[in-house]
Amino acid sequence: MPDSSKLLLGRLGLSGRYNPLPRVLFYDDFDEGANGWCELVGNHAGDLRNIRPAMADLRPPQISNCTFFDIGTHGSLEGNYALKLATRARANSQAVLIKRLTSQARGLVQFETWFTFKAEQRPLQSAEDWDGNQDPSETDFGDFSFSNDICEGADGRRYMLTVRYVNADEQGRLVRSWFYKTSLHTTTKMARAGSGAEVSDIHVQNPEDWKPLPNGAQELCFNETATKINWHYLRWRFDTREQRYVDLQVNDRRWDLSDIPVPFYEQRYTGLANLLNFLVDVRTRRPVRNFLFFDSIVVSVDW
């Protein structure tokens, strides 16, 4: 860690939890509020009825002290409040938050966070099949993703990188693996031109456009009860100069992503010069609310 970043994080009390690149672009402590993370909403021309259905209900951010019905307030990893995403209790409901920036240069970008995830606990109809260890609500949690939206240069070339952790599928079967996407979602520009499919997954053209990360199986710590949360460390890096993935670390596991293909839009987009957006999302596959929590987020660069 460079001396300047050490000094900054030392002042913030974070030097033991994060390992940033030379320049910290932003540090979001959610004890201080939402810090610019807001609900993703589709394009419209001043009339909200123009928003495409897939982009119309992606849920606003919440600031949560992680309170549960049995123990009361859990709190965040360090502090009282976390950023919370919550889906509706509807199969395939997604909650998507975005933070919008512009870039000053091209190069390595690093996203670090401490996060945790939960499904809303449902009372058991019968405890006969419960072994006292695995919480049945674990199979009610679908997936979560980390992504970006980048548009560079005078020609408006636009691309997006996404890594997704799939915990369970729509049948409640545990998957517990990381995936990357092979297509890009339909934009409003594409839809109004009559091209592109409209699907419930905001990331892709087709729900099947995901491939497993090589050796991407990883069991995360859901815990034995839906009201007990354990924080996980994640570091994701990509390179905007070379327009590629770099690597991913989640707790003790690391993956080299440099060979993962990057999808680009064929269309050119104006009004998005130097676009550098960060997105986080959670999706339920069943009629059960899913939650994703962030203690804090640090994004740093080598510019």
Protein backbone atom coordinates (compact mmCIF):
# COMPACT_ATOMS: atom_id res chain seq x y z
CA MET A 1 0.00 0.00 0.00
CA PRO A 2 1.46 3.43 -0.91
CA ASP A 3 2.32 5.79 1.96
CA SER A 4 -0.34 8.36 1.00
CA SER A 5 -3.09 5.74 0.99
CA LYS A 6 -1.83 4.32 4.28
CA LEU A 7 -1.97 7.78 5.81
CA LEU A 8 -5.52 8.40 4.59
CA LEU A 9 -6.86 5.03 5.69
CA GLY A 10 -4.99 5.32 8.98
CA ARG A 11 -6.85 8.55 9.69
CA LEU A 12 -10.08 6.77 8.84
CA GLY A 13 -9.25 3.74 10.98
CA LEU A 14 -9.37 1.41 7.97
CA SER A 15 -5.72 0.51 7.38
CA GLY A 16 -6.21 -3.06 8.59
CA ARG A 17 -9.27 -3.73 6.42
CA TYR A 18 -8.35 -2.30 3.01
CA ASN A 19 -5.35 -2.34 0.71
CA PRO A 20 -5.93 0.42 -1.88
CA LEU A 21 -4.01 1.43 -4.98
CA PRO A 22 -1.97 4.70 -4.89
CA ARG A 23 -4.96 7.03 -5.16
CA VAL A 24 -8.24 6.59 -3.27
CA LEU A 25 -11.00 7.73 -5.60
CA PHE A 26 -13.68 7.49 -2.93
CA TYR A 27 -14.26 5.96 0.48
CA ASP A 28 -17.88 5.37 1.48
CA ASP A 29 -18.59 4.92 5.18
CA PHE A 30 -22.31 4.21 5.40
CA ASP A 31 -22.44 5.50 8.96
CA GLU A 32 -22.37 8.84 7.14
CA GLY A 33 -25.25 8.13 4.74
CA ALA A 34 -25.76 6.72 1.24
CA ASN A 35 -22.73 8.55 -0.21
CA GLY A 36 -24.18 8.94 -3.70
CA TRP A 37 -25.44 5.38 -4.16
CA CYS A 38 -28.95 5.61 -5.62
CA GLU A 39 -31.54 3.44 -7.33
CA LEU A 40 -30.85 2.63 -10.97
CA VAL A 41 -33.70 3.89 -13.12
CA GLY A 42 -34.28 3.51 -16.84
CA ASN A 43 -34.12 6.38 -19.34
CA HIS A 44 -37.19 8.54 -19.92
CA ALA A 45 -38.01 11.85 -21.58
CA GLY A 46 -39.62 13.39 -18.53
CA ASP A 47 -42.46 10.86 -18.53
CA LEU A 48 -41.93 7.97 -16.12
CA ARG A 49 -44.33 5.86 -18.17
CA ASN A 50 -41.55 5.64 -20.77
CA ILE A 51 -39.35 3.58 -18.46
CA ARG A 52 -39.07 -0.01 -19.64
CA PRO A 53 -40.61 -2.55 -17.20
CA ALA A 54 -37.28 -4.25 -16.47
CA MET A 55 -35.83 -0.93 -15.26
CA ALA A 56 -38.85 0.53 -13.48
CA ASP A 57 -38.69 -0.97 -9.98
CA LEU A 58 -35.09 -1.52 -8.92
CA ARG A 59 -35.60 -0.32 -5.33
CA PRO A 60 -34.04 2.62 -3.48
CA PRO A 61 -31.09 2.37 -1.08
CA GLN A 62 -31.64 1.93 2.63
CA ILE A 63 -29.40 2.84 5.55
CA SER A 64 -29.78 -0.02 8.00
CA ASN A 65 -28.52 -0.81 11.50
CA CYS A 66 -29.06 -4.49 10.67
CA THR A 67 -31.87 -5.10 13.15
CA PHE A 68 -33.44 -8.56 13.37
CA PHE A 69 -36.44 -9.88 15.27
CA ASP A 70 -34.49 -12.09 17.68
CA ILE A 71 -31.37 -10.19 18.75
CA GLY A 72 -32.37 -6.63 17.93
CA THR A 73 -29.66 -4.41 16.44
CA HIS A 74 -26.64 -6.15 14.93
CA GLY A 75 -24.84 -3.05 13.63
CA SER A 76 -22.29 -2.98 10.82
CA LEU A 77 -18.74 -4.32 10.80
CA GLU A 78 -17.40 -1.12 12.34
CA GLY A 79 -20.09 1.33 13.33
CA ASN A 80 -23.85 1.33 13.49
CA TYR A 81 -25.10 1.54 9.90
CA ALA A 82 -24.72 -0.35 6.63
CA LEU A 83 -25.96 0.29 3.10
CA LYS A 84 -28.82 -2.14 2.45
CA LEU A 85 -30.37 -3.39 -0.78
CA ALA A 86 -33.72 -5.16 -0.47
CA THR A 87 -35.72 -6.87 -3.21
CA ARG A 88 -39.47 -7.27 -3.24
CA ALA A 89 -40.98 -10.60 -2.18
CA ARG A 90 -41.45 -11.52 -5.83
CA ALA A 91 -39.52 -14.05 -7.91
CA ASN A 92 -36.77 -12.38 -9.99
CA SER A 93 -37.15 -9.02 -8.24
CA GLN A 94 -33.87 -7.09 -8.36
CA ALA A 95 -32.56 -4.23 -6.25
CA VAL A 96 -29.85 -2.28 -8.10
CA LEU A 97 -27.82 0.67 -6.83
CA ILE A 98 -25.47 2.81 -8.90
CA LYS A 99 -22.80 5.42 -8.14
CA ARG A 100 -22.01 7.69 -11.08
CA LEU A 101 -18.56 9.19 -11.73
CA THR A 102 -16.39 10.26 -14.65
CA SER A 103 -12.78 9.20 -15.15
CA GLN A 104 -9.78 11.52 -15.31
CA ALA A 105 -7.45 8.98 -16.89
CA ARG A 106 -7.24 5.34 -17.95
CA GLY A 107 -5.71 2.56 -15.93
CA LEU A 108 -6.23 0.12 -13.08
CA VAL A 109 -9.37 0.49 -10.95
CA GLN A 110 -9.90 -1.42 -7.71
CA PHE A 111 -13.22 -1.91 -5.91
CA GLU A 112 -13.01 -3.14 -2.29
CA THR A 113 -15.77 -3.76 0.20
CA TRP A 114 -16.96 -5.70 3.22
CA PHE A 115 -20.41 -7.16 2.56
CA THR A 116 -22.92 -9.70 3.80
CA PHE A 117 -26.14 -11.21 2.44
CA LYS A 118 -29.37 -12.68 3.80
CA ALA A 119 -32.79 -13.99 2.79
CA GLU A 120 -35.80 -13.01 4.86
CA GLN A 121 -36.39 -15.81 7.33
CA ARG A 122 -39.64 -17.71 7.00
CA PRO A 123 -41.14 -19.77 9.85
CA LEU A 124 -40.79 -23.49 9.22
CA GLN A 125 -44.00 -25.35 8.44
CA SER A 126 -42.40 -28.34 10.13
CA ALA A 127 -39.09 -28.68 11.95
CA GLU A 128 -38.84 -32.39 11.24
CA ASP A 129 -36.40 -31.95 8.35
CA TRP A 130 -34.29 -29.26 10.04
CA ASP A 131 -30.93 -30.61 11.18
CA GLY A 132 -30.22 -27.71 13.54
CA ASN A 133 -27.30 -26.56 11.39
CA GLN A 134 -28.27 -25.48 7.87
CA ASP A 135 -30.91 -22.77 7.86
CA PRO A 136 -33.65 -23.53 5.29
CA SER A 137 -33.72 -19.84 4.32
CA GLU A 138 -30.28 -20.20 2.74
CA THR A 139 -31.93 -21.79 -0.30
CA ASP A 140 -34.18 -18.71 -0.61
CA PHE A 141 -31.25 -16.41 -1.39
CA GLY A 142 -30.66 -16.01 -5.14
CA ASP A 143 -27.64 -14.01 -6.31
CA PHE A 144 -25.75 -10.73 -6.14
CA SER A 145 -23.52 -8.91 -8.62
CA PHE A 146 -20.79 -6.30 -8.90
CA SER A 147 -20.59 -4.41 -12.18
CA ASN A 148 -19.64 -1.21 -13.97
CA ASP A 149 -20.69 0.88 -16.96
CA ILE A 150 -17.86 2.48 -18.95
CA CYS A 151 -17.94 4.70 -22.04
CA GLU A 152 -14.69 6.13 -23.38
CA GLY A 153 -13.37 8.22 -26.21
CA ALA A 154 -14.89 10.45 -28.86
CA ASP A 155 -16.48 7.47 -30.61
CA GLY A 156 -18.60 6.61 -27.56
CA ARG A 157 -17.46 2.99 -27.21
CA ARG A 158 -19.30 1.45 -24.27
CA TYR A 159 -18.79 -1.76 -22.32
CA MET A 160 -19.68 -3.35 -18.99
CA LEU A 161 -17.95 -5.88 -16.75
CA THR A 162 -19.89 -8.00 -14.27
CA VAL A 163 -19.13 -10.71 -11.73
CA ARG A 164 -22.06 -12.51 -10.11
CA TYR A 165 -22.29 -14.89 -7.19
CA VAL A 166 -25.15 -17.37 -7.56
CA ASN A 167 -26.11 -18.86 -4.22
CA ALA A 168 -29.25 -20.75 -5.29
CA ASP A 169 -31.40 -21.14 -8.39
CA GLU A 170 -35.16 -20.69 -8.83
CA GLN A 171 -35.80 -24.24 -7.55
CA GLY A 172 -33.88 -23.53 -4.36
CA ARG A 173 -30.93 -25.71 -5.36
CA LEU A 174 -27.64 -24.43 -3.97
CA VAL A 175 -25.15 -23.36 -6.65
CA ARG A 176 -22.56 -21.38 -4.64
CA SER A 177 -20.43 -20.28 -7.58
CA TRP A 178 -19.17 -17.17 -9.38
CA PHE A 179 -20.19 -16.32 -12.96
CA TYR A 180 -19.46 -13.69 -15.61
CA LYS A 181 -21.79 -12.41 -18.31
CA THR A 182 -21.44 -12.93 -22.06
CA SER A 183 -23.85 -10.27 -23.35
CA LEU A 184 -25.06 -6.77 -22.49
CA HIS A 185 -28.53 -5.69 -21.48
CA THR A 186 -30.86 -3.93 -23.88
CA THR A 187 -30.50 -0.16 -23.60
CA THR A 188 -33.36 2.28 -24.12
CA LYS A 189 -31.70 3.38 -27.35
CA MET A 190 -31.75 -0.21 -28.61
CA ALA A 191 -35.34 -0.78 -27.49
CA ARG A 192 -36.60 2.35 -29.25
CA ALA A 193 -34.79 1.25 -32.40
CA GLY A 194 -36.60 -2.08 -32.23
CA SER A 195 -33.60 -4.25 -31.31
CA GLY A 196 -32.68 -6.25 -28.24
CA ALA A 197 -34.69 -8.54 -26.02
CA GLU A 198 -36.51 -7.41 -22.87
CA VAL A 199 -35.72 -9.73 -19.96
CA SER A 200 -36.06 -9.48 -16.20
CA ASP A 201 -32.29 -9.74 -15.59
CA ILE A 202 -30.98 -6.21 -16.14
CA HIS A 203 -27.47 -7.42 -17.03
CA VAL A 204 -27.94 -9.55 -20.15
CA GLN A 205 -29.86 -10.06 -23.40
CA ASN A 206 -30.80 -13.61 -22.47
CA PRO A 207 -31.08 -15.13 -18.97
CA GLU A 208 -28.74 -17.90 -20.13
CA ASP A 209 -25.93 -15.48 -21.05
CA TRP A 210 -23.80 -16.34 -18.04
CA LYS A 211 -20.75 -18.59 -17.85
CA PRO A 212 -19.18 -20.07 -14.72
CA LEU A 213 -15.89 -18.59 -13.64
CA PRO A 214 -13.21 -21.30 -13.98
CA ASN A 215 -12.82 -22.94 -10.57
CA GLY A 216 -15.44 -20.47 -9.38
CA ALA A 217 -17.17 -22.64 -6.78
CA GLN A 218 -17.05 -20.97 -3.36
CA GLU A 219 -19.15 -21.51 -0.27
CA LEU A 220 -19.71 -18.24 1.58
CA CYS A 221 -20.71 -17.92 5.24
CA PHE A 222 -24.51 -17.69 5.35
CA ASN A 223 -24.37 -18.91 8.97
CA GLU A 224 -26.76 -21.29 10.68
CA THR A 225 -29.48 -18.69 11.22
CA ALA A 226 -30.83 -16.03 8.87
CA THR A 227 -30.42 -13.35 11.54
CA LYS A 228 -26.70 -13.95 12.13
CA ILE A 229 -24.52 -12.00 9.72
CA ASN A 230 -20.86 -12.53 8.88
CA TRP A 231 -18.95 -9.91 6.88
CA HIS A 232 -16.99 -10.94 3.76
CA TYR A 233 -14.09 -9.12 2.10
CA LEU A 234 -14.17 -8.57 -1.68
CA ARG A 235 -11.65 -6.96 -4.03
CA TRP A 236 -12.39 -6.65 -7.75
CA ARG A 237 -10.00 -5.03 -10.23
CA PHE A 238 -10.32 -4.03 -13.89
CA ASP A 239 -8.22 -2.00 -16.32
CA THR A 240 -9.84 0.80 -18.33
CA ARG A 241 -6.70 1.41 -20.38
CA GLU A 242 -6.68 -2.17 -21.66
CA GLN A 243 -10.48 -2.55 -21.35
CA ARG A 244 -10.36 -5.86 -19.53
CA TYR A 245 -10.94 -7.68 -16.28
CA VAL A 246 -7.91 -8.14 -14.01
CA ASP A 247 -8.76 -10.24 -10.97
CA LEU A 248 -11.18 -11.00 -8.16
CA GLN A 249 -10.58 -11.82 -4.50
CA VAL A 250 -13.28 -12.93 -2.05
CA ASN A 251 -11.95 -13.75 1.40
CA ASP A 252 -9.13 -16.27 0.87
CA ARG A 253 -9.95 -17.10 -2.77
CA ARG A 254 -8.38 -15.30 -5.75
CA TRP A 255 -9.12 -15.60 -9.48
CA ASP A 256 -7.18 -14.29 -12.46
CA LEU A 257 -9.82 -12.76 -14.75
CA SER A 258 -7.51 -11.43 -17.46
CA ASP A 259 -8.71 -13.99 -20.03
CA ILE A 260 -12.44 -13.35 -19.45
CA PRO A 261 -13.96 -11.80 -22.62
CA VAL A 262 -15.48 -8.33 -22.39
CA PRO A 263 -18.77 -7.57 -24.22
CA PHE A 264 -19.02 -4.23 -26.08
CA TYR A 265 -22.06 -2.48 -27.50
CA GLU A 266 -22.16 -2.17 -31.28
CA GLN A 267 -23.96 1.16 -31.01
CA ARG A 268 -22.17 4.39 -30.12
CA TYR A 269 -23.48 6.49 -27.23
CA THR A 270 -23.31 10.25 -26.84
CA GLY A 271 -23.60 12.22 -23.61
CA LEU A 272 -21.52 9.62 -21.75
CA ALA A 273 -17.96 10.92 -22.18
CA ASN A 274 -15.57 9.42 -19.60
CA LEU A 275 -18.46 7.51 -18.00
CA LEU A 276 -17.32 5.49 -14.98
CA ASN A 277 -20.26 4.01 -13.08
CA PHE A 278 -20.23 1.40 -10.33
CA LEU A 279 -23.21 -0.87 -9.62
CA VAL A 280 -24.17 -3.43 -6.98
CA ASP A 281 -27.30 -5.55 -7.02
CA VAL A 282 -29.15 -8.43 -5.43
CA ARG A 283 -31.80 -10.67 -7.03
CA THR A 284 -34.23 -13.10 -5.48
CA ARG A 285 -35.31 -16.12 -7.52
CA ARG A 286 -38.24 -16.95 -5.24
CA PRO A 287 -41.10 -14.97 -3.63
CA VAL A 288 -38.88 -14.13 -0.64
CA ARG A 289 -37.13 -10.83 0.00
CA ASN A 290 -33.34 -10.94 -0.38
CA PHE A 291 -30.96 -8.48 1.26
CA LEU A 292 -27.40 -7.33 0.53
CA PHE A 293 -25.49 -5.20 3.06
CA PHE A 294 -22.29 -3.14 2.75
CA ASP A 295 -20.31 -1.90 5.72
CA SER A 296 -18.15 0.38 3.55
CA ILE A 297 -16.69 0.63 0.04
CA VAL A 298 -13.29 1.89 -1.13
CA VAL A 299 -12.48 2.49 -4.80
CA SER A 300 -8.88 3.31 -5.71
CA VAL A 301 -6.89 3.77 -8.93
CA ASP A 302 -3.30 3.89 -10.19
CA TRP A 303 -3.78 7.09 -12.25
